[in-house]
Amino acid sequence: MRKGFTLIELLIVIGILAILAAVVVLTLNPAQLLAQARDSQRISDLGSIKSAVSLYLATATSTSISSTKTSTNSTTCWFGSGCNTACTAVSTSTAINGTGWVPIDLTQTSGGSPLSALPLDPTNDATYHYAYAGDATAKTIELNAILESTKYSPMMQSDGGNCANVYEVGTEPGLDL
């Protein structure tokens, strides 16, 4: 008598494993998990920049906010009543000395800048990128990004801003720069 598995037994086991693998892939949805990770990074990045600018405004002896609307990868910034405003500048520079895509010299922060470099969007393409707008008179800012995952996209409507399809954070009341 030979010991081993028959061809039918092997095919049944392989079939069961294939079904289990398909169920796991469909349940976990790796593309959605990656989108959630990128959105989490976007939310964290914009929060860090907002905190750094707030610290700069609170501690720097002489503050200057640029009114230039900038983006990290597109000429579309999503500011204003139409939420589809043309950017005046596109920059992928991560410098914190006022020459980066956030044109504020964070090196003037008392005790030094909390950021060593400005973050860029994890995708940083024409659709998914960061945008900046500032009000030099009121010394307020707005930072924007589009979120892509189904888990985080409702935050774009509930962030307090004026654009329902854009995630907006900043120091501007109403986030309507």
C-alpha atoms as a PDB file:
ATOM      1  CA  MET A   1       0.000   0.000   0.000  1.00  0.00           C
ATOM      2  CA  ARG A   2       1.380   3.397  -1.008  1.00  0.00           C
ATOM      3  CA  LYS A   3       1.248   6.344   1.314  1.00  0.00           C
ATOM      4  CA  GLY A   4       0.435   9.785  -0.082  1.00  0.00           C
ATOM      5  CA  PHE A   5      -2.322  11.934  -1.424  1.00  0.00           C
ATOM      6  CA  THR A   6      -4.380  11.209  -4.465  1.00  0.00           C
ATOM      7  CA  LEU A   7      -4.784  13.730  -7.241  1.00  0.00           C
ATOM      8  CA  ILE A   8      -8.382  14.401  -6.224  1.00  0.00           C
ATOM      9  CA  GLU A   9      -7.379  15.115  -2.618  1.00  0.00           C
ATOM     10  CA  LEU A  10      -4.704  17.564  -3.769  1.00  0.00           C
ATOM     11  CA  LEU A  11      -7.136  19.348  -6.112  1.00  0.00           C
ATOM     12  CA  ILE A  12      -9.713  19.683  -3.338  1.00  0.00           C
ATOM     13  CA  VAL A  13      -7.135  21.198  -0.949  1.00  0.00           C
ATOM     14  CA  ILE A  14      -5.840  23.586  -3.634  1.00  0.00           C
ATOM     15  CA  GLY A  15      -9.426  24.617  -4.437  1.00  0.00           C
ATOM     16  CA  ILE A  16     -10.193  25.324  -0.777  1.00  0.00           C
ATOM     17  CA  LEU A  17      -6.989  27.371  -0.423  1.00  0.00           C
ATOM     18  CA  ALA A  18      -7.839  29.371  -3.564  1.00  0.00           C
ATOM     19  CA  ILE A  19     -11.326  30.148  -2.232  1.00  0.00           C
ATOM     20  CA  LEU A  20      -9.906  31.233   1.140  1.00  0.00           C
ATOM     21  CA  ALA A  21      -7.290  33.432  -0.564  1.00  0.00           C
ATOM     22  CA  ALA A  22      -9.961  35.093  -2.712  1.00  0.00           C
ATOM     23  CA  VAL A  23     -12.154  35.763   0.332  1.00  0.00           C
ATOM     24  CA  VAL A  24      -9.234  37.287   2.245  1.00  0.00           C
ATOM     25  CA  VAL A  25      -8.232  39.542  -0.666  1.00  0.00           C
ATOM     26  CA  LEU A  26     -11.815  40.706  -1.208  1.00  0.00           C
ATOM     27  CA  THR A  27     -12.335  41.315   2.507  1.00  0.00           C
ATOM     28  CA  LEU A  28      -9.106  43.206   3.129  1.00  0.00           C
ATOM     29  CA  ASN A  29      -9.113  45.147  -0.174  1.00  0.00           C
ATOM     30  CA  PRO A  30      -5.407  46.027  -0.302  1.00  0.00           C
ATOM     31  CA  ALA A  31      -5.971  48.993  -2.639  1.00  0.00           C
ATOM     32  CA  GLN A  32      -8.334  50.592  -0.116  1.00  0.00           C
ATOM     33  CA  LEU A  33      -5.891  49.903   2.736  1.00  0.00           C
ATOM     34  CA  LEU A  34      -3.120  51.669   0.802  1.00  0.00           C
ATOM     35  CA  ALA A  35      -5.451  54.610   0.077  1.00  0.00           C
ATOM     36  CA  GLN A  36      -6.275  54.823   3.798  1.00  0.00           C
ATOM     37  CA  ALA A  37      -2.568  54.857   4.655  1.00  0.00           C
ATOM     38  CA  ARG A  38      -1.945  57.697   2.174  1.00  0.00           C
ATOM     39  CA  ASP A  39      -4.927  59.666   3.530  1.00  0.00           C
ATOM     40  CA  SER A  40      -3.715  59.189   7.087  1.00  0.00           C
ATOM     41  CA  GLN A  41      -0.336  60.587   6.009  1.00  0.00           C
ATOM     42  CA  ARG A  42      -2.038  63.568   4.312  1.00  0.00           C
ATOM     43  CA  ILE A  43      -4.055  64.405   7.431  1.00  0.00           C
ATOM     44  CA  SER A  44      -0.955  64.106   9.610  1.00  0.00           C
ATOM     45  CA  ASP A  45       1.213  66.194   7.250  1.00  0.00           C
ATOM     46  CA  LEU A  46      -1.261  69.071   6.992  1.00  0.00           C
ATOM     47  CA  GLY A  47      -1.789  69.023  10.764  1.00  0.00           C
ATOM     48  CA  SER A  48       1.978  69.236  11.322  1.00  0.00           C
ATOM     49  CA  ILE A  49       2.327  72.166   8.924  1.00  0.00           C
ATOM     50  CA  LYS A  50      -0.616  73.971  10.537  1.00  0.00           C
ATOM     51  CA  SER A  51       0.957  73.487  13.981  1.00  0.00           C
ATOM     52  CA  ALA A  52       4.341  74.719  12.743  1.00  0.00           C
ATOM     53  CA  VAL A  53       2.797  77.851  11.209  1.00  0.00           C
ATOM     54  CA  SER A  54       0.747  78.503  14.369  1.00  0.00           C
ATOM     55  CA  LEU A  55       3.913  78.213  16.467  1.00  0.00           C
ATOM     56  CA  TYR A  56       5.708  80.550  14.051  1.00  0.00           C
ATOM     57  CA  LEU A  57       2.919  83.139  14.331  1.00  0.00           C
ATOM     58  CA  ALA A  58       2.916  82.878  18.129  1.00  0.00           C
ATOM     59  CA  THR A  59       6.673  83.060  18.722  1.00  0.00           C
ATOM     60  CA  ALA A  60       8.447  84.820  15.843  1.00  0.00           C
ATOM     61  CA  THR A  61       9.329  88.441  16.522  1.00  0.00           C
ATOM     62  CA  SER A  62       8.487  89.502  12.984  1.00  0.00           C
ATOM     63  CA  THR A  63       5.995  87.424  11.007  1.00  0.00           C
ATOM     64  CA  SER A  64       5.195  87.428   7.326  1.00  0.00           C
ATOM     65  CA  ILE A  65       2.486  85.383   5.629  1.00  0.00           C
ATOM     66  CA  SER A  66       2.605  85.132   1.853  1.00  0.00           C
ATOM     67  CA  SER A  67      -0.643  85.577  -0.080  1.00  0.00           C
ATOM     68  CA  THR A  68       0.706  83.440  -2.922  1.00  0.00           C
ATOM     69  CA  LYS A  69      -1.429  80.385  -3.671  1.00  0.00           C
ATOM     70  CA  THR A  70       0.926  77.463  -4.188  1.00  0.00           C
ATOM     71  CA  SER A  71       0.638  73.772  -4.931  1.00  0.00           C
ATOM     72  CA  THR A  72       3.071  70.876  -4.871  1.00  0.00           C
ATOM     73  CA  ASN A  73       2.151  69.482  -8.282  1.00  0.00           C
ATOM     74  CA  SER A  74      -0.743  71.182 -10.082  1.00  0.00           C
ATOM     75  CA  THR A  75      -1.974  74.541 -11.265  1.00  0.00           C
ATOM     76  CA  THR A  76      -5.305  73.820  -9.522  1.00  0.00           C
ATOM     77  CA  CYS A  77      -5.501  74.792  -5.846  1.00  0.00           C
ATOM     78  CA  TRP A  78      -9.190  74.418  -4.813  1.00  0.00           C
ATOM     79  CA  PHE A  79      -9.440  77.786  -3.063  1.00  0.00           C
ATOM     80  CA  GLY A  80     -12.191  80.371  -3.167  1.00  0.00           C
ATOM     81  CA  SER A  81     -15.913  80.136  -3.693  1.00  0.00           C
ATOM     82  CA  GLY A  82     -15.580  77.957  -6.778  1.00  0.00           C
ATOM     83  CA  CYS A  83     -13.144  75.593  -5.053  1.00  0.00           C
ATOM     84  CA  ASN A  84     -11.175  75.332  -8.294  1.00  0.00           C
ATOM     85  CA  THR A  85      -8.810  78.289  -8.277  1.00  0.00           C
ATOM     86  CA  ALA A  86      -5.649  78.523 -10.328  1.00  0.00           C
ATOM     87  CA  CYS A  87      -2.462  78.431  -8.284  1.00  0.00           C
ATOM     88  CA  THR A  88      -0.010  81.233  -8.787  1.00  0.00           C
ATOM     89  CA  ALA A  89       2.961  78.937  -8.195  1.00  0.00           C
ATOM     90  CA  VAL A  90       3.823  75.241  -8.341  1.00  0.00           C
ATOM     91  CA  SER A  91       6.751  74.058  -6.230  1.00  0.00           C
ATOM     92  CA  THR A  92       8.016  70.723  -4.974  1.00  0.00           C
ATOM     93  CA  SER A  93      10.616  72.422  -2.801  1.00  0.00           C
ATOM     94  CA  THR A  94      10.479  71.185   0.780  1.00  0.00           C
ATOM     95  CA  ALA A  95      12.585  74.064   2.140  1.00  0.00           C
ATOM     96  CA  ILE A  96      11.297  75.638   5.364  1.00  0.00           C
ATOM     97  CA  ASN A  97      13.065  78.974   4.823  1.00  0.00           C
ATOM     98  CA  GLY A  98      10.218  80.555   2.848  1.00  0.00           C
ATOM     99  CA  THR A  99      11.308  79.237  -0.548  1.00  0.00           C
ATOM    100  CA  GLY A 100       9.382  75.949  -0.259  1.00  0.00           C
ATOM    101  CA  TRP A 101       5.829  75.249  -1.345  1.00  0.00           C
ATOM    102  CA  VAL A 102       4.638  76.895   1.903  1.00  0.00           C
ATOM    103  CA  PRO A 103       6.155  80.358   1.418  1.00  0.00           C
ATOM    104  CA  ILE A 104       6.641  81.107   5.133  1.00  0.00           C
ATOM    105  CA  ASP A 105      10.087  81.295   6.733  1.00  0.00           C
ATOM    106  CA  LEU A 106       9.606  78.777   9.541  1.00  0.00           C
ATOM    107  CA  THR A 107      13.281  79.096  10.496  1.00  0.00           C
ATOM    108  CA  GLN A 108      12.324  82.365  12.211  1.00  0.00           C
ATOM    109  CA  THR A 109      10.292  80.421  14.791  1.00  0.00           C
ATOM    110  CA  SER A 110      11.603  81.026  18.291  1.00  0.00           C
ATOM    111  CA  GLY A 111      13.593  77.927  19.231  1.00  0.00           C
ATOM    112  CA  GLY A 112      13.762  76.738  15.632  1.00  0.00           C
ATOM    113  CA  SER A 113      11.282  75.190  13.270  1.00  0.00           C
ATOM    114  CA  PRO A 114       9.470  72.054  14.426  1.00  0.00           C
ATOM    115  CA  LEU A 115       9.765  70.783  10.840  1.00  0.00           C
ATOM    116  CA  SER A 116      13.059  69.891   9.198  1.00  0.00           C
ATOM    117  CA  ALA A 117      11.405  69.892   5.761  1.00  0.00           C
ATOM    118  CA  LEU A 118       7.955  70.478   4.324  1.00  0.00           C
ATOM    119  CA  PRO A 119       6.201  67.205   3.542  1.00  0.00           C
ATOM    120  CA  LEU A 120       4.926  66.372   0.061  1.00  0.00           C
ATOM    121  CA  ASP A 121       1.765  64.432  -0.714  1.00  0.00           C
ATOM    122  CA  PRO A 122       2.394  60.646  -0.804  1.00  0.00           C
ATOM    123  CA  THR A 123       1.148  60.518  -4.413  1.00  0.00           C
ATOM    124  CA  ASN A 124       1.903  64.125  -5.442  1.00  0.00           C
ATOM    125  CA  ASP A 125       0.307  64.083  -8.867  1.00  0.00           C
ATOM    126  CA  ALA A 126      -2.173  66.370 -10.614  1.00  0.00           C
ATOM    127  CA  THR A 127      -5.082  64.998  -8.547  1.00  0.00           C
ATOM    128  CA  TYR A 128      -3.515  64.281  -5.163  1.00  0.00           C
ATOM    129  CA  HIS A 129      -1.238  67.081  -3.966  1.00  0.00           C
ATOM    130  CA  TYR A 130      -1.037  69.713  -1.234  1.00  0.00           C
ATOM    131  CA  ALA A 131      -2.029  73.339  -1.721  1.00  0.00           C
ATOM    132  CA  TYR A 132      -1.406  76.499   0.331  1.00  0.00           C
ATOM    133  CA  ALA A 133      -3.113  79.882   0.509  1.00  0.00           C
ATOM    134  CA  GLY A 134      -2.437  82.724   2.909  1.00  0.00           C
ATOM    135  CA  ASP A 135      -3.912  86.067   3.887  1.00  0.00           C
ATOM    136  CA  ALA A 136      -1.049  88.505   4.520  1.00  0.00           C
ATOM    137  CA  THR A 137      -3.310  91.057   6.219  1.00  0.00           C
ATOM    138  CA  ALA A 138      -5.127  88.723   8.608  1.00  0.00           C
ATOM    139  CA  LYS A 139      -2.040  86.466   8.927  1.00  0.00           C
ATOM    140  CA  THR A 140      -4.047  83.311   8.370  1.00  0.00           C
ATOM    141  CA  ILE A 141      -3.438  80.249   6.205  1.00  0.00           C
ATOM    142  CA  GLU A 142      -5.317  77.397   4.589  1.00  0.00           C
ATOM    143  CA  LEU A 143      -3.829  74.041   3.570  1.00  0.00           C
ATOM    144  CA  ASN A 144      -5.718  71.679   1.277  1.00  0.00           C
ATOM    145  CA  ALA A 145      -5.584  68.114  -0.022  1.00  0.00           C
ATOM    146  CA  ILE A 146      -7.959  65.644  -1.622  1.00  0.00           C
ATOM    147  CA  LEU A 147      -8.540  62.394   0.268  1.00  0.00           C
ATOM    148  CA  GLU A 148      -9.012  59.187  -1.714  1.00  0.00           C
ATOM    149  CA  SER A 149     -10.191  56.441   0.657  1.00  0.00           C
ATOM    150  CA  THR A 150     -13.806  55.702   1.515  1.00  0.00           C
ATOM    151  CA  LYS A 151     -12.888  55.719   5.209  1.00  0.00           C
ATOM    152  CA  TYR A 152     -11.480  59.267   5.269  1.00  0.00           C
ATOM    153  CA  SER A 153     -13.311  60.992   2.398  1.00  0.00           C
ATOM    154  CA  PRO A 154     -16.274  62.042   4.635  1.00  0.00           C
ATOM    155  CA  MET A 155     -13.784  64.293   6.480  1.00  0.00           C
ATOM    156  CA  MET A 156     -13.709  66.535   3.398  1.00  0.00           C
ATOM    157  CA  GLN A 157     -17.345  67.495   4.042  1.00  0.00           C
ATOM    158  CA  SER A 158     -17.038  67.910   7.811  1.00  0.00           C
ATOM    159  CA  ASP A 159     -13.733  69.805   8.107  1.00  0.00           C
ATOM    160  CA  GLY A 160     -15.368  73.230   8.486  1.00  0.00           C
ATOM    161  CA  GLY A 161     -14.180  74.477   5.112  1.00  0.00           C
ATOM    162  CA  ASN A 162     -16.125  75.816   2.177  1.00  0.00           C
ATOM    163  CA  CYS A 163     -15.274  73.045  -0.318  1.00  0.00           C
ATOM    164  CA  ALA A 164     -17.096  69.748   0.237  1.00  0.00           C
ATOM    165  CA  ASN A 165     -14.722  67.764  -1.984  1.00  0.00           C
ATOM    166  CA  VAL A 166     -11.453  69.013  -0.440  1.00  0.00           C
ATOM    167  CA  TYR A 167      -9.868  68.389   2.973  1.00  0.00           C
ATOM    168  CA  GLU A 168      -9.118  71.840   4.410  1.00  0.00           C
ATOM    169  CA  VAL A 169      -7.176  72.806   7.546  1.00  0.00           C
ATOM    170  CA  GLY A 170      -5.648  76.060   8.676  1.00  0.00           C
ATOM    171  CA  THR A 171      -5.953  79.149  10.813  1.00  0.00           C
ATOM    172  CA  GLU A 172      -8.418  80.964   8.528  1.00  0.00           C
ATOM    173  CA  PRO A 173     -11.902  81.151  10.100  1.00  0.00           C
ATOM    174  CA  GLY A 174     -14.284  79.369   7.746  1.00  0.00           C
ATOM    175  CA  LEU A 175     -11.366  78.075   5.678  1.00  0.00           C
ATOM    176  CA  ASP A 176     -12.487  80.165   2.728  1.00  0.00           C
ATOM    177  CA  LEU A 177      -9.335  81.753   1.330  1.00  0.00           C
END
